[in-house]
N, C-alpha and C. Protein backbone atom coordinates (compact mmCIF):
# COMPACT_ATOMS: atom_id res chain seq x y z
N MET A 1 -11.84 -15.96 3.89
CA MET A 1 -10.60 -15.70 3.21
C MET A 1 -9.41 -15.98 4.14
N ASP A 2 -9.59 -15.69 5.41
CA ASP A 2 -8.50 -15.88 6.36
C ASP A 2 -8.14 -17.34 6.58
N THR A 3 -9.09 -18.23 6.41
CA THR A 3 -8.81 -19.64 6.69
C THR A 3 -8.34 -20.42 5.47
N VAL A 4 -8.73 -19.98 4.27
CA VAL A 4 -8.39 -20.75 3.07
C VAL A 4 -7.51 -19.94 2.11
N THR A 5 -7.95 -18.77 1.73
CA THR A 5 -7.30 -18.04 0.64
C THR A 5 -6.00 -17.36 1.05
N TYR A 6 -6.04 -16.52 2.06
CA TYR A 6 -4.83 -15.80 2.45
C TYR A 6 -3.69 -16.70 2.91
N PRO A 7 -3.95 -17.79 3.62
CA PRO A 7 -2.83 -18.65 4.03
C PRO A 7 -2.19 -19.44 2.88
N ASP A 8 -2.85 -19.50 1.72
CA ASP A 8 -2.29 -20.22 0.58
C ASP A 8 -0.94 -19.60 0.22
N VAL A 9 0.08 -20.43 0.08
CA VAL A 9 1.44 -19.95 -0.18
C VAL A 9 1.50 -19.11 -1.45
N ARG A 10 0.80 -19.53 -2.50
CA ARG A 10 0.82 -18.78 -3.76
C ARG A 10 0.24 -17.39 -3.59
N VAL A 11 -0.85 -17.30 -2.84
CA VAL A 11 -1.49 -16.01 -2.58
C VAL A 11 -0.56 -15.12 -1.75
N ALA A 12 -0.01 -15.67 -0.69
CA ALA A 12 0.88 -14.90 0.19
C ALA A 12 2.09 -14.38 -0.58
N GLU A 13 2.69 -15.22 -1.41
CA GLU A 13 3.86 -14.80 -2.19
C GLU A 13 3.50 -13.72 -3.20
N PHE A 14 2.35 -13.86 -3.86
CA PHE A 14 1.94 -12.87 -4.86
C PHE A 14 1.70 -11.52 -4.18
N ILE A 15 1.00 -11.54 -3.07
CA ILE A 15 0.73 -10.29 -2.34
C ILE A 15 2.03 -9.64 -1.90
N GLU A 16 2.93 -10.43 -1.35
CA GLU A 16 4.21 -9.89 -0.88
C GLU A 16 5.02 -9.27 -2.02
N LYS A 17 4.97 -9.89 -3.20
CA LYS A 17 5.73 -9.41 -4.35
C LYS A 17 5.15 -8.14 -4.96
N HIS A 18 3.82 -8.01 -4.97
CA HIS A 18 3.19 -6.96 -5.76
C HIS A 18 2.51 -5.85 -4.97
N PHE A 19 2.30 -6.04 -3.69
CA PHE A 19 1.48 -5.07 -2.95
C PHE A 19 2.10 -4.69 -1.62
N ALA A 20 1.62 -3.59 -1.09
CA ALA A 20 1.89 -3.20 0.30
C ALA A 20 0.53 -3.31 0.99
N PRO A 21 0.20 -4.51 1.48
CA PRO A 21 -1.16 -4.72 2.00
C PRO A 21 -1.43 -3.96 3.29
N VAL A 22 -2.67 -3.49 3.38
CA VAL A 22 -3.17 -2.83 4.58
C VAL A 22 -4.52 -3.46 4.88
N ARG A 23 -4.69 -3.90 6.08
CA ARG A 23 -5.95 -4.51 6.48
C ARG A 23 -6.65 -3.57 7.45
N ILE A 24 -7.93 -3.34 7.18
CA ILE A 24 -8.69 -2.53 8.12
C ILE A 24 -9.87 -3.35 8.63
N VAL A 25 -10.24 -3.08 9.85
CA VAL A 25 -11.45 -3.66 10.44
C VAL A 25 -12.55 -2.63 10.20
N VAL A 26 -13.50 -2.99 9.36
CA VAL A 26 -14.52 -2.04 8.92
C VAL A 26 -15.26 -1.42 10.11
N ARG A 27 -15.64 -2.23 11.09
CA ARG A 27 -16.39 -1.70 12.24
C ARG A 27 -15.60 -0.64 13.01
N GLU A 28 -14.29 -0.74 12.95
CA GLU A 28 -13.45 0.20 13.69
C GLU A 28 -12.97 1.37 12.84
N ASN A 29 -13.20 1.29 11.53
CA ASN A 29 -12.72 2.32 10.61
C ASN A 29 -13.80 2.67 9.58
N ARG A 30 -14.97 3.04 10.06
CA ARG A 30 -16.11 3.32 9.18
C ARG A 30 -15.78 4.42 8.17
N GLU A 31 -15.07 5.45 8.62
CA GLU A 31 -14.77 6.56 7.71
C GLU A 31 -13.93 6.11 6.52
N LEU A 32 -12.89 5.33 6.79
CA LEU A 32 -12.04 4.82 5.72
C LEU A 32 -12.81 3.84 4.83
N ALA A 33 -13.61 3.00 5.44
CA ALA A 33 -14.43 2.07 4.66
C ALA A 33 -15.40 2.83 3.76
N ASN A 34 -16.03 3.86 4.28
CA ASN A 34 -16.94 4.66 3.48
C ASN A 34 -16.21 5.38 2.35
N GLU A 35 -15.02 5.87 2.66
CA GLU A 35 -14.23 6.58 1.66
C GLU A 35 -13.91 5.68 0.47
N HIS A 36 -13.71 4.39 0.73
CA HIS A 36 -13.38 3.44 -0.34
C HIS A 36 -14.59 2.61 -0.79
N LEU A 37 -15.78 3.04 -0.36
CA LEU A 37 -17.03 2.41 -0.78
C LEU A 37 -17.09 0.93 -0.45
N VAL A 38 -16.62 0.59 0.73
CA VAL A 38 -16.66 -0.80 1.19
C VAL A 38 -18.00 -1.01 1.88
N SER A 39 -18.88 -1.74 1.21
CA SER A 39 -20.20 -2.00 1.78
C SER A 39 -20.37 -3.45 2.20
N TRP A 40 -19.40 -4.29 1.86
CA TRP A 40 -19.46 -5.70 2.22
C TRP A 40 -18.03 -6.22 2.26
N THR A 41 -17.80 -7.22 3.09
CA THR A 41 -16.47 -7.80 3.17
C THR A 41 -16.55 -9.29 2.85
N PRO A 42 -15.47 -9.90 2.41
CA PRO A 42 -14.20 -9.26 2.16
C PRO A 42 -14.26 -8.33 0.95
N ASN A 43 -13.41 -7.33 0.99
CA ASN A 43 -13.36 -6.32 -0.05
C ASN A 43 -11.91 -5.91 -0.19
N VAL A 44 -11.30 -6.26 -1.31
CA VAL A 44 -9.90 -5.93 -1.56
C VAL A 44 -9.86 -4.79 -2.56
N VAL A 45 -9.23 -3.72 -2.17
CA VAL A 45 -9.10 -2.54 -3.02
C VAL A 45 -7.64 -2.42 -3.43
N ILE A 46 -7.40 -2.40 -4.72
CA ILE A 46 -6.05 -2.18 -5.22
C ILE A 46 -5.97 -0.72 -5.62
N GLY A 47 -5.21 0.01 -4.84
CA GLY A 47 -5.13 1.45 -5.04
C GLY A 47 -3.69 1.92 -5.13
N ASP A 48 -3.56 3.23 -5.25
CA ASP A 48 -2.23 3.82 -5.32
C ASP A 48 -2.00 4.73 -4.12
N ASP A 49 -0.86 5.40 -4.12
CA ASP A 49 -0.49 6.22 -2.98
C ASP A 49 -1.32 7.51 -2.88
N ARG A 50 -2.14 7.79 -3.87
CA ARG A 50 -3.04 8.94 -3.81
C ARG A 50 -4.45 8.55 -3.38
N GLY A 51 -4.64 7.26 -3.12
CA GLY A 51 -5.95 6.78 -2.70
C GLY A 51 -6.89 6.45 -3.85
N ARG A 52 -6.39 6.49 -5.08
CA ARG A 52 -7.23 6.16 -6.23
C ARG A 52 -7.35 4.65 -6.35
N VAL A 53 -8.55 4.18 -6.62
CA VAL A 53 -8.81 2.75 -6.76
C VAL A 53 -8.62 2.35 -8.22
N HIS A 54 -7.82 1.28 -8.43
CA HIS A 54 -7.57 0.78 -9.78
C HIS A 54 -8.28 -0.54 -10.04
N TYR A 55 -8.62 -1.26 -8.98
CA TYR A 55 -9.31 -2.53 -9.14
C TYR A 55 -9.88 -2.92 -7.79
N ARG A 56 -10.97 -3.66 -7.82
CA ARG A 56 -11.64 -4.07 -6.58
C ARG A 56 -12.06 -5.53 -6.71
N ILE A 57 -11.88 -6.26 -5.62
CA ILE A 57 -12.33 -7.66 -5.55
C ILE A 57 -13.28 -7.73 -4.36
N GLU A 58 -14.52 -8.10 -4.64
CA GLU A 58 -15.52 -8.16 -3.58
C GLU A 58 -15.99 -9.59 -3.38
N GLY A 59 -16.12 -9.98 -2.13
CA GLY A 59 -16.62 -11.31 -1.80
C GLY A 59 -15.51 -12.34 -1.74
N TYR A 60 -15.86 -13.49 -1.21
CA TYR A 60 -14.91 -14.59 -1.06
C TYR A 60 -14.57 -15.20 -2.40
N LEU A 61 -13.31 -15.52 -2.59
CA LEU A 61 -12.85 -16.31 -3.74
C LEU A 61 -11.83 -17.32 -3.25
N PRO A 62 -11.86 -18.54 -3.79
CA PRO A 62 -10.82 -19.51 -3.46
C PRO A 62 -9.48 -19.05 -4.04
N PRO A 63 -8.37 -19.65 -3.58
CA PRO A 63 -7.05 -19.15 -3.94
C PRO A 63 -6.77 -18.94 -5.43
N VAL A 64 -7.06 -19.90 -6.28
CA VAL A 64 -6.72 -19.76 -7.70
C VAL A 64 -7.49 -18.60 -8.34
N GLU A 65 -8.77 -18.49 -8.05
CA GLU A 65 -9.56 -17.40 -8.60
C GLU A 65 -9.12 -16.06 -8.01
N PHE A 66 -8.77 -16.05 -6.73
CA PHE A 66 -8.30 -14.82 -6.10
C PHE A 66 -6.99 -14.36 -6.73
N LEU A 67 -6.09 -15.30 -7.00
CA LEU A 67 -4.83 -14.96 -7.66
C LEU A 67 -5.07 -14.35 -9.04
N ALA A 68 -6.02 -14.91 -9.77
CA ALA A 68 -6.36 -14.37 -11.09
C ALA A 68 -6.81 -12.92 -10.96
N ARG A 69 -7.67 -12.64 -9.98
CA ARG A 69 -8.17 -11.28 -9.78
C ARG A 69 -7.07 -10.33 -9.32
N LEU A 70 -6.20 -10.80 -8.43
CA LEU A 70 -5.08 -9.96 -8.01
C LEU A 70 -4.20 -9.61 -9.21
N SER A 71 -3.97 -10.60 -10.07
CA SER A 71 -3.15 -10.37 -11.26
C SER A 71 -3.82 -9.39 -12.21
N LEU A 72 -5.13 -9.50 -12.37
CA LEU A 72 -5.86 -8.51 -13.16
C LEU A 72 -5.70 -7.13 -12.56
N GLY A 73 -5.71 -7.05 -11.25
CA GLY A 73 -5.53 -5.77 -10.57
C GLY A 73 -4.18 -5.15 -10.87
N VAL A 74 -3.14 -5.97 -10.91
CA VAL A 74 -1.81 -5.47 -11.26
C VAL A 74 -1.83 -4.95 -12.70
N GLY A 75 -2.48 -5.69 -13.58
CA GLY A 75 -2.59 -5.26 -14.97
C GLY A 75 -3.34 -3.95 -15.11
N LYS A 76 -4.44 -3.80 -14.39
CA LYS A 76 -5.20 -2.55 -14.45
C LYS A 76 -4.37 -1.39 -13.89
N PHE A 77 -3.63 -1.63 -12.82
CA PHE A 77 -2.76 -0.60 -12.26
C PHE A 77 -1.75 -0.16 -13.32
N ASP A 78 -1.09 -1.12 -13.98
CA ASP A 78 -0.13 -0.79 -15.03
C ASP A 78 -0.80 -0.05 -16.19
N LEU A 79 -1.97 -0.51 -16.60
CA LEU A 79 -2.70 0.14 -17.69
C LEU A 79 -3.02 1.59 -17.33
N ASN A 80 -3.49 1.82 -16.12
CA ASN A 80 -3.86 3.17 -15.71
C ASN A 80 -2.66 4.10 -15.61
N PHE A 81 -1.47 3.54 -15.43
CA PHE A 81 -0.25 4.35 -15.38
C PHE A 81 0.52 4.30 -16.70
N ALA A 82 -0.17 3.86 -17.76
CA ALA A 82 0.38 3.83 -19.12
C ALA A 82 1.63 2.96 -19.22
N LYS A 83 1.74 1.96 -18.38
CA LYS A 83 2.80 0.96 -18.51
C LYS A 83 2.22 -0.14 -19.39
N LEU A 84 2.10 0.17 -20.67
CA LEU A 84 1.28 -0.63 -21.58
C LEU A 84 1.89 -1.98 -21.91
N VAL A 85 3.20 -2.07 -22.03
CA VAL A 85 3.84 -3.36 -22.31
C VAL A 85 3.62 -4.29 -21.13
N GLU A 86 3.85 -3.76 -19.91
CA GLU A 86 3.67 -4.58 -18.71
C GLU A 86 2.22 -5.00 -18.55
N ALA A 87 1.29 -4.08 -18.83
CA ALA A 87 -0.13 -4.39 -18.71
C ALA A 87 -0.52 -5.50 -19.69
N ALA A 88 -0.08 -5.37 -20.94
CA ALA A 88 -0.41 -6.38 -21.95
C ALA A 88 0.16 -7.74 -21.56
N GLU A 89 1.40 -7.75 -21.09
CA GLU A 89 1.99 -9.02 -20.66
C GLU A 89 1.20 -9.65 -19.52
N ARG A 90 0.78 -8.84 -18.57
CA ARG A 90 0.00 -9.33 -17.43
C ARG A 90 -1.32 -9.90 -17.91
N PHE A 91 -2.03 -9.17 -18.78
CA PHE A 91 -3.33 -9.65 -19.26
C PHE A 91 -3.18 -10.92 -20.10
N GLU A 92 -2.12 -11.01 -20.90
CA GLU A 92 -1.88 -12.24 -21.67
C GLU A 92 -1.67 -13.42 -20.73
N GLU A 93 -0.90 -13.21 -19.68
CA GLU A 93 -0.62 -14.28 -18.72
C GLU A 93 -1.91 -14.74 -18.04
N VAL A 94 -2.75 -13.81 -17.64
CA VAL A 94 -4.01 -14.18 -16.99
C VAL A 94 -4.92 -14.92 -17.98
N ALA A 95 -4.99 -14.43 -19.20
CA ALA A 95 -5.85 -15.07 -20.22
C ALA A 95 -5.42 -16.51 -20.47
N GLN A 96 -4.12 -16.75 -20.49
CA GLN A 96 -3.63 -18.12 -20.72
C GLN A 96 -3.78 -19.00 -19.49
N ARG A 97 -3.36 -18.48 -18.35
CA ARG A 97 -3.36 -19.28 -17.13
C ARG A 97 -4.78 -19.57 -16.64
N HIS A 98 -5.70 -18.68 -16.90
CA HIS A 98 -7.06 -18.81 -16.37
C HIS A 98 -8.08 -18.90 -17.51
N ALA A 99 -7.71 -19.63 -18.55
CA ALA A 99 -8.60 -19.83 -19.69
C ALA A 99 -9.91 -20.47 -19.23
N GLN A 100 -10.98 -20.07 -19.87
CA GLN A 100 -12.33 -20.58 -19.60
C GLN A 100 -12.86 -20.17 -18.23
N THR A 101 -12.35 -19.08 -17.69
CA THR A 101 -12.90 -18.49 -16.47
C THR A 101 -13.28 -17.05 -16.77
N GLU A 102 -14.07 -16.44 -15.92
CA GLU A 102 -14.42 -15.03 -16.11
C GLU A 102 -13.18 -14.14 -16.03
N ALA A 103 -12.20 -14.53 -15.24
CA ALA A 103 -10.96 -13.76 -15.18
C ALA A 103 -10.25 -13.81 -16.54
N GLY A 104 -10.28 -14.96 -17.19
CA GLY A 104 -9.69 -15.08 -18.52
C GLY A 104 -10.39 -14.18 -19.53
N ALA A 105 -11.71 -14.14 -19.45
CA ALA A 105 -12.48 -13.26 -20.34
C ALA A 105 -12.14 -11.79 -20.07
N GLU A 106 -12.12 -11.41 -18.81
CA GLU A 106 -11.79 -10.02 -18.48
C GLU A 106 -10.38 -9.67 -18.95
N ALA A 107 -9.46 -10.60 -18.82
CA ALA A 107 -8.09 -10.35 -19.26
C ALA A 107 -8.03 -10.06 -20.76
N LEU A 108 -8.78 -10.81 -21.57
CA LEU A 108 -8.79 -10.57 -23.02
C LEU A 108 -9.39 -9.20 -23.34
N TYR A 109 -10.40 -8.81 -22.60
CA TYR A 109 -11.00 -7.48 -22.80
C TYR A 109 -9.93 -6.40 -22.61
N TRP A 110 -9.26 -6.44 -21.47
CA TRP A 110 -8.26 -5.41 -21.15
C TRP A 110 -7.01 -5.56 -22.02
N LEU A 111 -6.69 -6.77 -22.45
CA LEU A 111 -5.55 -6.98 -23.34
C LEU A 111 -5.74 -6.19 -24.63
N GLY A 112 -6.94 -6.27 -25.19
CA GLY A 112 -7.22 -5.51 -26.41
C GLY A 112 -7.02 -4.02 -26.20
N ILE A 113 -7.46 -3.53 -25.08
CA ILE A 113 -7.33 -2.10 -24.79
C ILE A 113 -5.86 -1.72 -24.59
N ALA A 114 -5.11 -2.54 -23.86
CA ALA A 114 -3.68 -2.24 -23.65
C ALA A 114 -2.94 -2.23 -24.98
N ARG A 115 -3.22 -3.21 -25.83
CA ARG A 115 -2.54 -3.26 -27.14
C ARG A 115 -2.91 -2.05 -28.00
N PHE A 116 -4.20 -1.70 -28.00
CA PHE A 116 -4.64 -0.55 -28.80
C PHE A 116 -3.99 0.74 -28.30
N LYS A 117 -3.94 0.94 -27.00
CA LYS A 117 -3.34 2.17 -26.45
C LYS A 117 -1.86 2.26 -26.81
N LYS A 118 -1.21 1.10 -26.92
CA LYS A 118 0.22 1.09 -27.26
C LYS A 118 0.43 1.38 -28.75
N SER A 119 -0.37 0.74 -29.61
CA SER A 119 -0.14 0.82 -31.06
C SER A 119 -1.01 1.85 -31.77
N HIS A 120 -2.14 2.20 -31.17
CA HIS A 120 -3.15 3.05 -31.81
C HIS A 120 -3.66 2.42 -33.11
N ASN A 121 -3.61 1.09 -33.13
CA ASN A 121 -4.05 0.33 -34.29
C ASN A 121 -5.29 -0.46 -33.89
N GLY A 122 -6.40 -0.14 -34.52
CA GLY A 122 -7.66 -0.80 -34.21
C GLY A 122 -7.61 -2.31 -34.42
N ALA A 123 -6.71 -2.78 -35.27
CA ALA A 123 -6.60 -4.23 -35.51
C ALA A 123 -6.16 -4.96 -34.25
N ASP A 124 -5.34 -4.31 -33.40
CA ASP A 124 -4.90 -4.94 -32.16
C ASP A 124 -6.07 -5.12 -31.19
N LEU A 125 -6.91 -4.13 -31.12
CA LEU A 125 -8.10 -4.22 -30.28
C LEU A 125 -9.05 -5.28 -30.83
N LYS A 126 -9.28 -5.22 -32.12
CA LYS A 126 -10.21 -6.15 -32.77
C LYS A 126 -9.76 -7.59 -32.60
N SER A 127 -8.48 -7.86 -32.73
CA SER A 127 -7.97 -9.22 -32.61
C SER A 127 -8.26 -9.81 -31.23
N ALA A 128 -7.95 -9.06 -30.19
CA ALA A 128 -8.19 -9.55 -28.83
C ALA A 128 -9.68 -9.73 -28.58
N TRP A 129 -10.48 -8.78 -29.04
CA TRP A 129 -11.91 -8.87 -28.78
C TRP A 129 -12.58 -9.96 -29.61
N GLU A 130 -12.04 -10.25 -30.80
CA GLU A 130 -12.56 -11.39 -31.56
C GLU A 130 -12.25 -12.70 -30.85
N GLN A 131 -11.05 -12.81 -30.29
CA GLN A 131 -10.70 -13.99 -29.50
C GLN A 131 -11.63 -14.11 -28.30
N LEU A 132 -11.89 -12.99 -27.65
CA LEU A 132 -12.82 -12.97 -26.52
C LEU A 132 -14.20 -13.48 -26.95
N ALA A 133 -14.71 -13.01 -28.07
CA ALA A 133 -16.03 -13.43 -28.54
C ALA A 133 -16.06 -14.92 -28.90
N ARG A 134 -14.96 -15.43 -29.49
CA ARG A 134 -14.90 -16.86 -29.84
C ARG A 134 -14.86 -17.74 -28.60
N GLU A 135 -14.01 -17.36 -27.65
CA GLU A 135 -13.78 -18.22 -26.49
C GLU A 135 -14.81 -18.03 -25.38
N TYR A 136 -15.44 -16.86 -25.34
CA TYR A 136 -16.39 -16.54 -24.26
C TYR A 136 -17.63 -15.86 -24.83
N PRO A 137 -18.37 -16.54 -25.69
CA PRO A 137 -19.50 -15.88 -26.37
C PRO A 137 -20.57 -15.36 -25.42
N ASN A 138 -20.70 -15.94 -24.25
CA ASN A 138 -21.76 -15.53 -23.32
C ASN A 138 -21.25 -14.71 -22.14
N SER A 139 -20.03 -14.26 -22.22
CA SER A 139 -19.45 -13.50 -21.12
C SER A 139 -19.93 -12.05 -21.10
N GLU A 140 -20.03 -11.52 -19.92
CA GLU A 140 -20.31 -10.09 -19.75
C GLU A 140 -19.25 -9.26 -20.47
N TRP A 141 -18.00 -9.75 -20.49
CA TRP A 141 -16.91 -9.00 -21.11
C TRP A 141 -17.06 -8.96 -22.62
N THR A 142 -17.60 -10.01 -23.22
CA THR A 142 -17.89 -10.00 -24.65
C THR A 142 -19.00 -9.00 -24.94
N LEU A 143 -20.01 -8.99 -24.11
CA LEU A 143 -21.11 -8.05 -24.28
C LEU A 143 -20.61 -6.61 -24.27
N ARG A 144 -19.63 -6.33 -23.46
CA ARG A 144 -19.08 -4.96 -23.36
C ARG A 144 -18.38 -4.52 -24.63
N THR A 145 -18.04 -5.44 -25.52
CA THR A 145 -17.35 -5.08 -26.76
C THR A 145 -18.32 -4.73 -27.88
N LYS A 146 -19.59 -4.95 -27.66
CA LYS A 146 -20.58 -4.73 -28.72
C LYS A 146 -20.96 -3.26 -28.79
N ILE A 147 -20.92 -2.73 -29.97
CA ILE A 147 -21.30 -1.33 -30.18
C ILE A 147 -22.75 -1.32 -30.65
N PRO A 148 -23.60 -0.63 -29.91
CA PRO A 148 -25.01 -0.61 -30.31
C PRO A 148 -25.20 0.17 -31.62
N HIS A 149 -26.10 -0.33 -32.41
CA HIS A 149 -26.43 0.33 -33.68
C HIS A 149 -27.86 0.82 -33.60
N LYS A 150 -28.08 2.03 -34.06
CA LYS A 150 -29.45 2.56 -34.11
C LYS A 150 -30.19 1.90 -35.25
N THR A 151 -31.47 1.62 -35.00
CA THR A 151 -32.27 1.01 -36.07
C THR A 151 -33.30 1.98 -36.56
């Protein structure tokens, strides 16, 4: 990540705009790493000032995919703090910009939830999840929308 992803101008600008980054060396900070369940690196934890984790990115990703995940993290942070308009806008942007990627699928999943929490209208959730099923029929995120039925 240090040689390809972090030096990318787009990544650096996004991080500077949206985060207060803290880098820890796991070998030197085992207690903090354990507290945040860091078992492998790279491991990016998007958290708040209380230490609560809102999103996690594990493993190496090239710049474009990493940016998509960082953006999802901002959306999840907003969603968790009930900033529903901002969360929906973020998820829409990720879904459009990263169409046909797993980040795009995840964005549609959370977009439906953000819209539903804002409107309390099941049609808003259904619309996003139907789009998810059409565009990503084999995605893990589509599978998460299925409600099991007893037989």
